[in-house]
Amino acid sequence: MVRPNERFKKKTFKKIPGGKTVVRRKEAKDGAAKCAICKEELKGTSCSPKLSKTERRPERPFGGYLCQKCSEKVFIYKTRVMNNDMKISEVPMQFQKYI
């Protein structure tokens, strides 16, 4: 019986040297990284496992997690809250988590 976590994987039939045909399961490819707020595809990120961690994502705050536009908005709201120009309750709900 197939393991529960492998049921969704596609099957391929592979012939082995003994003449038998064996069923192999294909690994699913990782999807592109998406922004946690606006769900837009992140630029400058790679899905390749051969690259090191620092090469797979940008080296900026929230890099690989938020897109550039959303991270800029977070910084703007954060500085306004720190300078007492705005209260945390006035910040949109989706950005409050990152301040």
PDB file of N, CA and C in Angstrom:
ATOM      1  N   MET A   1       0.841  -1.184   0.000  1.00  0.00           N
ATOM      2  CA  MET A   1       0.000   0.000   0.000  1.00  0.00           C
ATOM      3  C   MET A   1       0.890   1.252   0.000  1.00  0.00           C
ATOM      4  N   VAL A   2       0.415   2.271  -0.660  1.00  0.00           N
ATOM      5  CA  VAL A   2       1.163   3.518  -0.787  1.00  0.00           C
ATOM      6  C   VAL A   2       1.010   4.325   0.506  1.00  0.00           C
ATOM      7  N   ARG A   3       2.089   5.016   0.865  1.00  0.00           N
ATOM      8  CA  ARG A   3       2.019   5.882   2.035  1.00  0.00           C
ATOM      9  C   ARG A   3       1.037   7.019   1.770  1.00  0.00           C
ATOM     10  N   PRO A   4       0.303   7.465   2.786  1.00  0.00           N
ATOM     11  CA  PRO A   4      -0.700   8.517   2.569  1.00  0.00           C
ATOM     12  C   PRO A   4      -0.135   9.795   1.967  1.00  0.00           C
ATOM     13  N   ASN A   5       1.091  10.170   2.333  1.00  0.00           N
ATOM     14  CA  ASN A   5       1.634  11.416   1.804  1.00  0.00           C
ATOM     15  C   ASN A   5       2.141  11.266   0.373  1.00  0.00           C
ATOM     16  N   GLU A   6       2.117  10.083  -0.198  1.00  0.00           N
ATOM     17  CA  GLU A   6       2.569   9.882  -1.574  1.00  0.00           C
ATOM     18  C   GLU A   6       1.416   9.603  -2.538  1.00  0.00           C
ATOM     19  N   ARG A   7       0.211   9.581  -2.058  1.00  0.00           N
ATOM     20  CA  ARG A   7      -0.930   9.233  -2.909  1.00  0.00           C
ATOM     21  C   ARG A   7      -1.173  10.236  -4.025  1.00  0.00           C
ATOM     22  N   PHE A   8      -0.897  11.504  -3.765  1.00  0.00           N
ATOM     23  CA  PHE A   8      -1.166  12.532  -4.767  1.00  0.00           C
ATOM     24  C   PHE A   8      -0.078  12.623  -5.826  1.00  0.00           C
ATOM     25  N   LYS A   9       1.077  12.003  -5.590  1.00  0.00           N
ATOM     26  CA  LYS A   9       2.200  12.108  -6.520  1.00  0.00           C
ATOM     27  C   LYS A   9       1.931  11.287  -7.777  1.00  0.00           C
ATOM     28  N   LYS A  10       2.425  11.760  -8.904  1.00  0.00           N
ATOM     29  CA  LYS A  10       2.224  11.066 -10.168  1.00  0.00           C
ATOM     30  C   LYS A  10       3.095   9.831 -10.244  1.00  0.00           C
ATOM     31  N   LYS A  11       2.571   8.813 -10.910  1.00  0.00           N
ATOM     32  CA  LYS A  11       3.306   7.558 -11.036  1.00  0.00           C
ATOM     33  C   LYS A  11       4.110   7.521 -12.320  1.00  0.00           C
ATOM     34  N   THR A  12       5.291   6.927 -12.261  1.00  0.00           N
ATOM     35  CA  THR A  12       6.060   6.614 -13.459  1.00  0.00           C
ATOM     36  C   THR A  12       6.496   5.157 -13.339  1.00  0.00           C
ATOM     37  N   PHE A  13       6.519   4.478 -14.445  1.00  0.00           N
ATOM     38  CA  PHE A  13       6.923   3.079 -14.461  1.00  0.00           C
ATOM     39  C   PHE A  13       8.353   3.002 -14.962  1.00  0.00           C
ATOM     40  N   LYS A  14       9.217   2.372 -14.190  1.00  0.00           N
ATOM     41  CA  LYS A  14      10.643   2.305 -14.494  1.00  0.00           C
ATOM     42  C   LYS A  14      11.043   0.837 -14.618  1.00  0.00           C
ATOM     43  N   LYS A  15      11.774   0.522 -15.665  1.00  0.00           N
ATOM     44  CA  LYS A  15      12.256  -0.835 -15.852  1.00  0.00           C
ATOM     45  C   LYS A  15      13.621  -0.966 -15.185  1.00  0.00           C
ATOM     46  N   ILE A  16      13.789  -1.964 -14.340  1.00  0.00           N
ATOM     47  CA  ILE A  16      15.052  -2.158 -13.637  1.00  0.00           C
ATOM     48  C   ILE A  16      15.828  -3.281 -14.326  1.00  0.00           C
ATOM     49  N   PRO A  17      17.137  -3.392 -14.061  1.00  0.00           N
ATOM     50  CA  PRO A  17      17.979  -4.354 -14.773  1.00  0.00           C
ATOM     51  C   PRO A  17      17.500  -5.812 -14.719  1.00  0.00           C
ATOM     52  N   GLY A  18      16.781  -6.200 -13.696  1.00  0.00           N
ATOM     53  CA  GLY A  18      16.303  -7.580 -13.589  1.00  0.00           C
ATOM     54  C   GLY A  18      15.164  -7.891 -14.547  1.00  0.00           C
ATOM     55  N   GLY A  19      14.657  -6.878 -15.252  1.00  0.00           N
ATOM     56  CA  GLY A  19      13.570  -7.081 -16.197  1.00  0.00           C
ATOM     57  C   GLY A  19      12.209  -6.740 -15.624  1.00  0.00           C
ATOM     58  N   LYS A  20      12.152  -6.443 -14.346  1.00  0.00           N
ATOM     59  CA  LYS A  20      10.876  -6.105 -13.718  1.00  0.00           C
ATOM     60  C   LYS A  20      10.539  -4.633 -13.962  1.00  0.00           C
ATOM     61  N   THR A  21       9.273  -4.325 -13.887  1.00  0.00           N
ATOM     62  CA  THR A  21       8.811  -2.948 -13.973  1.00  0.00           C
ATOM     63  C   THR A  21       8.405  -2.503 -12.573  1.00  0.00           C
ATOM     64  N   VAL A  22       8.941  -1.374 -12.148  1.00  0.00           N
ATOM     65  CA  VAL A  22       8.696  -0.860 -10.803  1.00  0.00           C
ATOM     66  C   VAL A  22       7.974   0.474 -10.920  1.00  0.00           C
ATOM     67  N   VAL A  23       7.055   0.731  -9.983  1.00  0.00           N
ATOM     68  CA  VAL A  23       6.345   2.011  -9.952  1.00  0.00           C
ATOM     69  C   VAL A  23       7.135   2.975  -9.086  1.00  0.00           C
ATOM     70  N   ARG A  24       7.452   4.139  -9.646  1.00  0.00           N
ATOM     71  CA  ARG A  24       8.125   5.207  -8.898  1.00  0.00           C
ATOM     72  C   ARG A  24       7.167   6.387  -8.829  1.00  0.00           C
ATOM     73  N   ARG A  25       7.309   7.168  -7.790  1.00  0.00           N
ATOM     74  CA  ARG A  25       6.467   8.359  -7.623  1.00  0.00           C
ATOM     75  C   ARG A  25       7.291   9.608  -7.885  1.00  0.00           C
ATOM     76  N   LYS A  26       6.734  10.532  -8.682  1.00  0.00           N
ATOM     77  CA  LYS A  26       7.437  11.772  -9.005  1.00  0.00           C
ATOM     78  C   LYS A  26       7.279  12.770  -7.865  1.00  0.00           C
ATOM     79  N   GLU A  27       8.344  13.515  -7.597  1.00  0.00           N
ATOM     80  CA  GLU A  27       8.297  14.580  -6.601  1.00  0.00           C
ATOM     81  C   GLU A  27       7.614  15.800  -7.224  1.00  0.00           C
ATOM     82  N   ALA A  28       6.786  16.470  -6.439  1.00  0.00           N
ATOM     83  CA  ALA A  28       6.119  17.670  -6.917  1.00  0.00           C
ATOM     84  C   ALA A  28       7.101  18.836  -6.889  1.00  0.00           C
ATOM     85  N   LYS A  29       7.037  19.684  -7.901  1.00  0.00           N
ATOM     86  CA  LYS A  29       7.900  20.857  -7.950  1.00  0.00           C
ATOM     87  C   LYS A  29       7.336  21.936  -7.033  1.00  0.00           C
ATOM     88  N   ASP A  30       8.226  22.703  -6.431  1.00  0.00           N
ATOM     89  CA  ASP A  30       7.796  23.793  -5.576  1.00  0.00           C
ATOM     90  C   ASP A  30       7.241  24.917  -6.436  1.00  0.00           C
ATOM     91  N   GLY A  31       6.189  25.543  -5.957  1.00  0.00           N
ATOM     92  CA  GLY A  31       5.634  26.684  -6.654  1.00  0.00           C
ATOM     93  C   GLY A  31       6.445  27.931  -6.356  1.00  0.00           C
ATOM     94  N   ALA A  32       6.189  28.974  -7.105  1.00  0.00           N
ATOM     95  CA  ALA A  32       6.901  30.232  -6.892  1.00  0.00           C
ATOM     96  C   ALA A  32       6.483  30.842  -5.554  1.00  0.00           C
ATOM     97  N   ALA A  33       7.395  31.524  -4.893  1.00  0.00           N
ATOM     98  CA  ALA A  33       7.104  32.160  -3.615  1.00  0.00           C
ATOM     99  C   ALA A  33       6.152  33.326  -3.835  1.00  0.00           C
ATOM    100  N   LYS A  34       5.247  33.537  -2.871  1.00  0.00           N
ATOM    101  CA  LYS A  34       4.263  34.604  -2.986  1.00  0.00           C
ATOM    102  C   LYS A  34       4.316  35.499  -1.767  1.00  0.00           C
ATOM    103  N   CYS A  35       3.921  36.740  -1.960  1.00  0.00           N
ATOM    104  CA  CYS A  35       3.888  37.727  -0.881  1.00  0.00           C
ATOM    105  C   CYS A  35       2.831  37.317   0.140  1.00  0.00           C
ATOM    106  N   ALA A  36       3.128  37.483   1.420  1.00  0.00           N
ATOM    107  CA  ALA A  36       2.215  37.081   2.484  1.00  0.00           C
ATOM    108  C   ALA A  36       1.006  38.007   2.585  1.00  0.00           C
ATOM    109  N   ILE A  37       1.110  39.234   2.071  1.00  0.00           N
ATOM    110  CA  ILE A  37       0.008  40.180   2.181  1.00  0.00           C
ATOM    111  C   ILE A  37      -0.831  40.215   0.901  1.00  0.00           C
ATOM    112  N   CYS A  38      -0.197  40.496  -0.242  1.00  0.00           N
ATOM    113  CA  CYS A  38      -0.962  40.696  -1.482  1.00  0.00           C
ATOM    114  C   CYS A  38      -0.992  39.464  -2.385  1.00  0.00           C
ATOM    115  N   LYS A  39      -0.281  38.403  -2.018  1.00  0.00           N
ATOM    116  CA  LYS A  39      -0.247  37.135  -2.755  1.00  0.00           C
ATOM    117  C   LYS A  39       0.340  37.265  -4.159  1.00  0.00           C
ATOM    118  N   GLU A  40       1.108  38.322  -4.399  1.00  0.00           N
ATOM    119  CA  GLU A  40       1.773  38.501  -5.687  1.00  0.00           C
ATOM    120  C   GLU A  40       3.053  37.675  -5.714  1.00  0.00           C
ATOM    121  N   GLU A  41       3.435  37.193  -6.873  1.00  0.00           N
ATOM    122  CA  GLU A  41       4.653  36.392  -6.987  1.00  0.00           C
ATOM    123  C   GLU A  41       5.870  37.254  -6.668  1.00  0.00           C
ATOM    124  N   LEU A  42       6.772  36.712  -5.838  1.00  0.00           N
ATOM    125  CA  LEU A  42       7.946  37.472  -5.420  1.00  0.00           C
ATOM    126  C   LEU A  42       9.007  37.476  -6.508  1.00  0.00           C
ATOM    127  N   LYS A  43       9.589  38.628  -6.717  1.00  0.00           N
ATOM    128  CA  LYS A  43      10.677  38.771  -7.681  1.00  0.00           C
ATOM    129  C   LYS A  43      12.001  38.521  -6.976  1.00  0.00           C
ATOM    130  N   GLY A  44      12.965  38.008  -7.697  1.00  0.00           N
ATOM    131  CA  GLY A  44      14.295  37.821  -7.142  1.00  0.00           C
ATOM    132  C   GLY A  44      14.435  36.591  -6.275  1.00  0.00           C
ATOM    133  N   THR A  45      13.440  35.692  -6.296  1.00  0.00           N
ATOM    134  CA  THR A  45      13.539  34.455  -5.531  1.00  0.00           C
ATOM    135  C   THR A  45      13.611  33.286  -6.498  1.00  0.00           C
ATOM    136  N   SER A  46      14.258  32.235  -6.077  1.00  0.00           N
ATOM    137  CA  SER A  46      14.422  31.065  -6.916  1.00  0.00           C
ATOM    138  C   SER A  46      13.930  29.838  -6.172  1.00  0.00           C
ATOM    139  N   CYS A  47      13.404  28.861  -6.894  1.00  0.00           N
ATOM    140  CA  CYS A  47      12.937  27.623  -6.285  1.00  0.00           C
ATOM    141  C   CYS A  47      14.003  26.539  -6.334  1.00  0.00           C
ATOM    142  N   SER A  48      15.148  26.836  -6.927  1.00  0.00           N
ATOM    143  CA  SER A  48      16.176  25.822  -7.112  1.00  0.00           C
ATOM    144  C   SER A  48      16.805  25.418  -5.783  1.00  0.00           C
ATOM    145  N   PRO A  49      16.800  24.126  -5.456  1.00  0.00           N
ATOM    146  CA  PRO A  49      17.415  23.699  -4.190  1.00  0.00           C
ATOM    147  C   PRO A  49      18.938  23.680  -4.240  1.00  0.00           C
ATOM    148  N   LYS A  50      19.526  23.840  -5.417  1.00  0.00           N
ATOM    149  CA  LYS A  50      20.983  23.795  -5.551  1.00  0.00           C
ATOM    150  C   LYS A  50      21.650  25.089  -5.087  1.00  0.00           C
ATOM    151  N   LEU A  51      20.886  26.180  -5.033  1.00  0.00           N
ATOM    152  CA  LEU A  51      21.448  27.458  -4.601  1.00  0.00           C
ATOM    153  C   LEU A  51      21.481  27.528  -3.078  1.00  0.00           C
ATOM    154  N   SER A  52      22.402  28.318  -2.555  1.00  0.00           N
ATOM    155  CA  SER A  52      22.448  28.505  -1.112  1.00  0.00           C
ATOM    156  C   SER A  52      21.298  29.418  -0.687  1.00  0.00           C
ATOM    157  N   LYS A  53      21.034  29.469   0.613  1.00  0.00           N
ATOM    158  CA  LYS A  53      19.903  30.225   1.135  1.00  0.00           C
ATOM    159  C   LYS A  53      20.005  31.709   0.795  1.00  0.00           C
ATOM    160  N   THR A  54      21.217  32.276   0.841  1.00  0.00           N
ATOM    161  CA  THR A  54      21.372  33.698   0.560  1.00  0.00           C
ATOM    162  C   THR A  54      21.205  34.011  -0.916  1.00  0.00           C
ATOM    163  N   GLU A  55      21.376  33.033  -1.789  1.00  0.00           N
ATOM    164  CA  GLU A  55      21.180  33.253  -3.220  1.00  0.00           C
ATOM    165  C   GLU A  55      19.720  33.060  -3.630  1.00  0.00           C
ATOM    166  N   ARG A  56      18.934  32.410  -2.798  1.00  0.00           N
ATOM    167  CA  ARG A  56      17.544  32.127  -3.149  1.00  0.00           C
ATOM    168  C   ARG A  56      16.600  33.269  -2.852  1.00  0.00           C
ATOM    169  N   ARG A  57      16.985  34.188  -1.981  1.00  0.00           N
ATOM    170  CA  ARG A  57      16.077  35.262  -1.611  1.00  0.00           C
ATOM    171  C   ARG A  57      16.835  36.578  -1.460  1.00  0.00           C
ATOM    172  N   PRO A  58      16.148  37.724  -1.568  1.00  0.00           N
ATOM    173  CA  PRO A  58      16.799  39.028  -1.435  1.00  0.00           C
ATOM    174  C   PRO A  58      17.303  39.268  -0.016  1.00  0.00           C
ATOM    175  N   GLU A  59      18.362  40.045   0.104  1.00  0.00           N
ATOM    176  CA  GLU A  59      18.963  40.342   1.404  1.00  0.00           C
ATOM    177  C   GLU A  59      18.449  41.676   1.933  1.00  0.00           C
ATOM    178  N   ARG A  60      17.168  41.788   2.133  1.00  0.00           N
ATOM    179  CA  ARG A  60      16.580  42.978   2.722  1.00  0.00           C
ATOM    180  C   ARG A  60      15.562  42.527   3.763  1.00  0.00           C
ATOM    181  N   PRO A  61      15.120  43.419   4.634  1.00  0.00           N
ATOM    182  CA  PRO A  61      14.128  43.011   5.620  1.00  0.00           C
ATOM    183  C   PRO A  61      12.865  42.482   4.937  1.00  0.00           C
ATOM    184  N   PHE A  62      12.332  41.398   5.448  1.00  0.00           N
ATOM    185  CA  PHE A  62      11.177  40.684   4.897  1.00  0.00           C
ATOM    186  C   PHE A  62      11.453  40.130   3.502  1.00  0.00           C
ATOM    187  N   GLY A  63      12.713  40.002   3.113  1.00  0.00           N
ATOM    188  CA  GLY A  63      13.069  39.455   1.809  1.00  0.00           C
ATOM    189  C   GLY A  63      12.668  38.000   1.705  1.00  0.00           C
ATOM    190  N   GLY A  64      12.011  37.639   0.631  1.00  0.00           N
ATOM    191  CA  GLY A  64      11.542  36.279   0.452  1.00  0.00           C
ATOM    192  C   GLY A  64      10.223  36.017   1.144  1.00  0.00           C
ATOM    193  N   TYR A  65       9.654  37.047   1.800  1.00  0.00           N
ATOM    194  CA  TYR A  65       8.397  36.882   2.516  1.00  0.00           C
ATOM    195  C   TYR A  65       7.363  37.908   2.065  1.00  0.00           C
ATOM    196  N   LEU A  66       7.802  39.170   1.933  1.00  0.00           N
ATOM    197  CA  LEU A  66       6.929  40.234   1.441  1.00  0.00           C
ATOM    198  C   LEU A  66       7.508  40.804   0.157  1.00  0.00           C
ATOM    199  N   CYS A  67       6.624  41.286  -0.729  1.00  0.00           N
ATOM    200  CA  CYS A  67       7.099  41.936  -1.946  1.00  0.00           C
ATOM    201  C   CYS A  67       7.605  43.336  -1.604  1.00  0.00           C
ATOM    202  N   GLN A  68       8.243  43.973  -2.555  1.00  0.00           N
ATOM    203  CA  GLN A  68       8.846  45.287  -2.320  1.00  0.00           C
ATOM    204  C   GLN A  68       7.802  46.322  -1.935  1.00  0.00           C
ATOM    205  N   LYS A  69       6.664  46.331  -2.615  1.00  0.00           N
ATOM    206  CA  LYS A  69       5.632  47.327  -2.335  1.00  0.00           C
ATOM    207  C   LYS A  69       5.090  47.192  -0.918  1.00  0.00           C
ATOM    208  N   CYS A  70       4.795  45.958  -0.527  1.00  0.00           N
ATOM    209  CA  CYS A  70       4.227  45.735   0.812  1.00  0.00           C
ATOM    210  C   CYS A  70       5.250  46.021   1.904  1.00  0.00           C
ATOM    211  N   SER A  71       6.512  45.668   1.669  1.00  0.00           N
ATOM    212  CA  SER A  71       7.525  45.936   2.691  1.00  0.00           C
ATOM    213  C   SER A  71       7.750  47.441   2.840  1.00  0.00           C
ATOM    214  N   GLU A  72       7.654  48.208   1.759  1.00  0.00           N
ATOM    215  CA  GLU A  72       7.768  49.666   1.848  1.00  0.00           C
ATOM    216  C   GLU A  72       6.616  50.247   2.663  1.00  0.00           C
ATOM    217  N   LYS A  73       5.396  49.724   2.447  1.00  0.00           N
ATOM    218  CA  LYS A  73       4.244  50.191   3.217  1.00  0.00           C
ATOM    219  C   LYS A  73       4.414  49.877   4.695  1.00  0.00           C
ATOM    220  N   VAL A  74       4.972  48.711   5.000  1.00  0.00           N
ATOM    221  CA  VAL A  74       5.214  48.339   6.393  1.00  0.00           C
ATOM    222  C   VAL A  74       6.175  49.322   7.038  1.00  0.00           C
ATOM    223  N   PHE A  75       7.246  49.681   6.335  1.00  0.00           N
ATOM    224  CA  PHE A  75       8.219  50.624   6.883  1.00  0.00           C
ATOM    225  C   PHE A  75       7.600  52.006   7.089  1.00  0.00           C
ATOM    226  N   ILE A  76       6.753  52.426   6.166  1.00  0.00           N
ATOM    227  CA  ILE A  76       6.091  53.733   6.288  1.00  0.00           C
ATOM    228  C   ILE A  76       5.199  53.750   7.516  1.00  0.00           C
ATOM    229  N   TYR A  77       4.369  52.700   7.678  1.00  0.00           N
ATOM    230  CA  TYR A  77       3.483  52.630   8.837  1.00  0.00           C
ATOM    231  C   TYR A  77       4.281  52.525  10.135  1.00  0.00           C
ATOM    232  N   LYS A  78       5.374  51.802  10.093  1.00  0.00           N
ATOM    233  CA  LYS A  78       6.192  51.623  11.293  1.00  0.00           C
ATOM    234  C   LYS A  78       6.796  52.943  11.754  1.00  0.00           C
ATOM    235  N   THR A  79       7.316  53.737  10.804  1.00  0.00           N
ATOM    236  CA  THR A  79       7.898  55.027  11.181  1.00  0.00           C
ATOM    237  C   THR A  79       6.821  55.994  11.675  1.00  0.00           C
ATOM    238  N   ARG A  80       5.633  55.940  11.097  1.00  0.00           N
ATOM    239  CA  ARG A  80       4.550  56.817  11.554  1.00  0.00           C
ATOM    240  C   ARG A  80       4.131  56.464  12.982  1.00  0.00           C
ATOM    241  N   VAL A  81       4.083  55.177  13.282  1.00  0.00           N
ATOM    242  CA  VAL A  81       3.717  54.743  14.629  1.00  0.00           C
ATOM    243  C   VAL A  81       4.806  55.120  15.618  1.00  0.00           C
ATOM    244  N   MET A  82       6.069  54.969  15.229  1.00  0.00           N
ATOM    245  CA  MET A  82       7.182  55.297  16.124  1.00  0.00           C
ATOM    246  C   MET A  82       7.269  56.802  16.395  1.00  0.00           C
ATOM    247  N   ASN A  83       6.889  57.614  15.412  1.00  0.00           N
ATOM    248  CA  ASN A  83       6.923  59.073  15.572  1.00  0.00           C
ATOM    249  C   ASN A  83       5.630  59.629  16.157  1.00  0.00           C
ATOM    250  N   ASN A  84       4.727  58.761  16.585  1.00  0.00           N
ATOM    251  CA  ASN A  84       3.436  59.128  17.186  1.00  0.00           C
ATOM    252  C   ASN A  84       2.553  59.943  16.240  1.00  0.00           C
ATOM    253  N   ASP A  85       2.731  59.772  14.927  1.00  0.00           N
ATOM    254  CA  ASP A  85       1.847  60.412  13.959  1.00  0.00           C
ATOM    255  C   ASP A  85       0.594  59.563  13.738  1.00  0.00           C
ATOM    256  N   MET A  86       0.668  58.317  14.139  1.00  0.00           N
ATOM    257  CA  MET A  86      -0.413  57.376  13.871  1.00  0.00           C
ATOM    258  C   MET A  86      -0.451  56.352  15.005  1.00  0.00           C
ATOM    259  N   LYS A  87      -1.631  55.850  15.316  1.00  0.00           N
ATOM    260  CA  LYS A  87      -1.750  54.793  16.311  1.00  0.00           C
ATOM    261  C   LYS A  87      -1.750  53.442  15.600  1.00  0.00           C
ATOM    262  N   ILE A  88      -1.369  52.403  16.339  1.00  0.00           N
ATOM    263  CA  ILE A  88      -1.335  51.059  15.738  1.00  0.00           C
ATOM    264  C   ILE A  88      -2.736  50.636  15.299  1.00  0.00           C
ATOM    265  N   SER A  89      -3.756  51.085  16.019  1.00  0.00           N
ATOM    266  CA  SER A  89      -5.133  50.723  15.656  1.00  0.00           C
ATOM    267  C   SER A  89      -5.560  51.359  14.326  1.00  0.00           C
ATOM    268  N   GLU A  90      -4.886  52.437  13.903  1.00  0.00           N
ATOM    269  CA  GLU A  90      -5.212  53.101  12.631  1.00  0.00           C
ATOM    270  C   GLU A  90      -4.545  52.427  11.435  1.00  0.00           C
ATOM    271  N   VAL A  91      -3.540  51.605  11.694  1.00  0.00           N
ATOM    272  CA  VAL A  91      -2.837  50.893  10.623  1.00  0.00           C
ATOM    273  C   VAL A  91      -3.760  49.791  10.102  1.00  0.00           C
ATOM    274  N   PRO A  92      -3.822  49.561   8.777  1.00  0.00           N
ATOM    275  CA  PRO A  92      -4.650  48.474   8.260  1.00  0.00           C
ATOM    276  C   PRO A  92      -4.283  47.130   8.896  1.00  0.00           C
ATOM    277  N   MET A  93      -5.282  46.296   9.098  1.00  0.00           N
ATOM    278  CA  MET A  93      -5.128  45.045   9.839  1.00  0.00           C
ATOM    279  C   MET A  93      -4.056  44.134   9.242  1.00  0.00           C
ATOM    280  N   GLN A  94      -3.950  44.085   7.929  1.00  0.00           N
ATOM    281  CA  GLN A  94      -3.001  43.188   7.292  1.00  0.00           C
ATOM    282  C   GLN A  94      -1.542  43.578   7.539  1.00  0.00           C
ATOM    283  N   PHE A  95      -1.297  44.849   7.878  1.00  0.00           N
ATOM    284  CA  PHE A  95       0.059  45.336   8.131  1.00  0.00           C
ATOM    285  C   PHE A  95       0.423  45.351   9.609  1.00  0.00           C
ATOM    286  N   GLN A  96      -0.549  45.240  10.497  1.00  0.00           N
ATOM    287  CA  GLN A  96      -0.288  45.335  11.933  1.00  0.00           C
ATOM    288  C   GLN A  96       0.637  44.211  12.415  1.00  0.00           C
ATOM    289  N   LYS A  97       0.571  43.070  11.796  1.00  0.00           N
ATOM    290  CA  LYS A  97       1.387  41.918  12.197  1.00  0.00           C
ATOM    291  C   LYS A  97       2.876  42.193  12.048  1.00  0.00           C
ATOM    292  N   TYR A  98       3.263  43.035  11.107  1.00  0.00           N
ATOM    293  CA  TYR A  98       4.670  43.259  10.771  1.00  0.00           C
ATOM    294  C   TYR A  98       5.270  44.497  11.425  1.00  0.00           C
ATOM    295  N   ILE A  99       4.473  45.221  12.207  1.00  0.00           N
ATOM    296  CA  ILE A  99       4.973  46.435  12.852  1.00  0.00           C
ATOM    297  C   ILE A  99       5.479  46.126  14.252  1.00  0.00           C
TER     298      ILE A  99
END
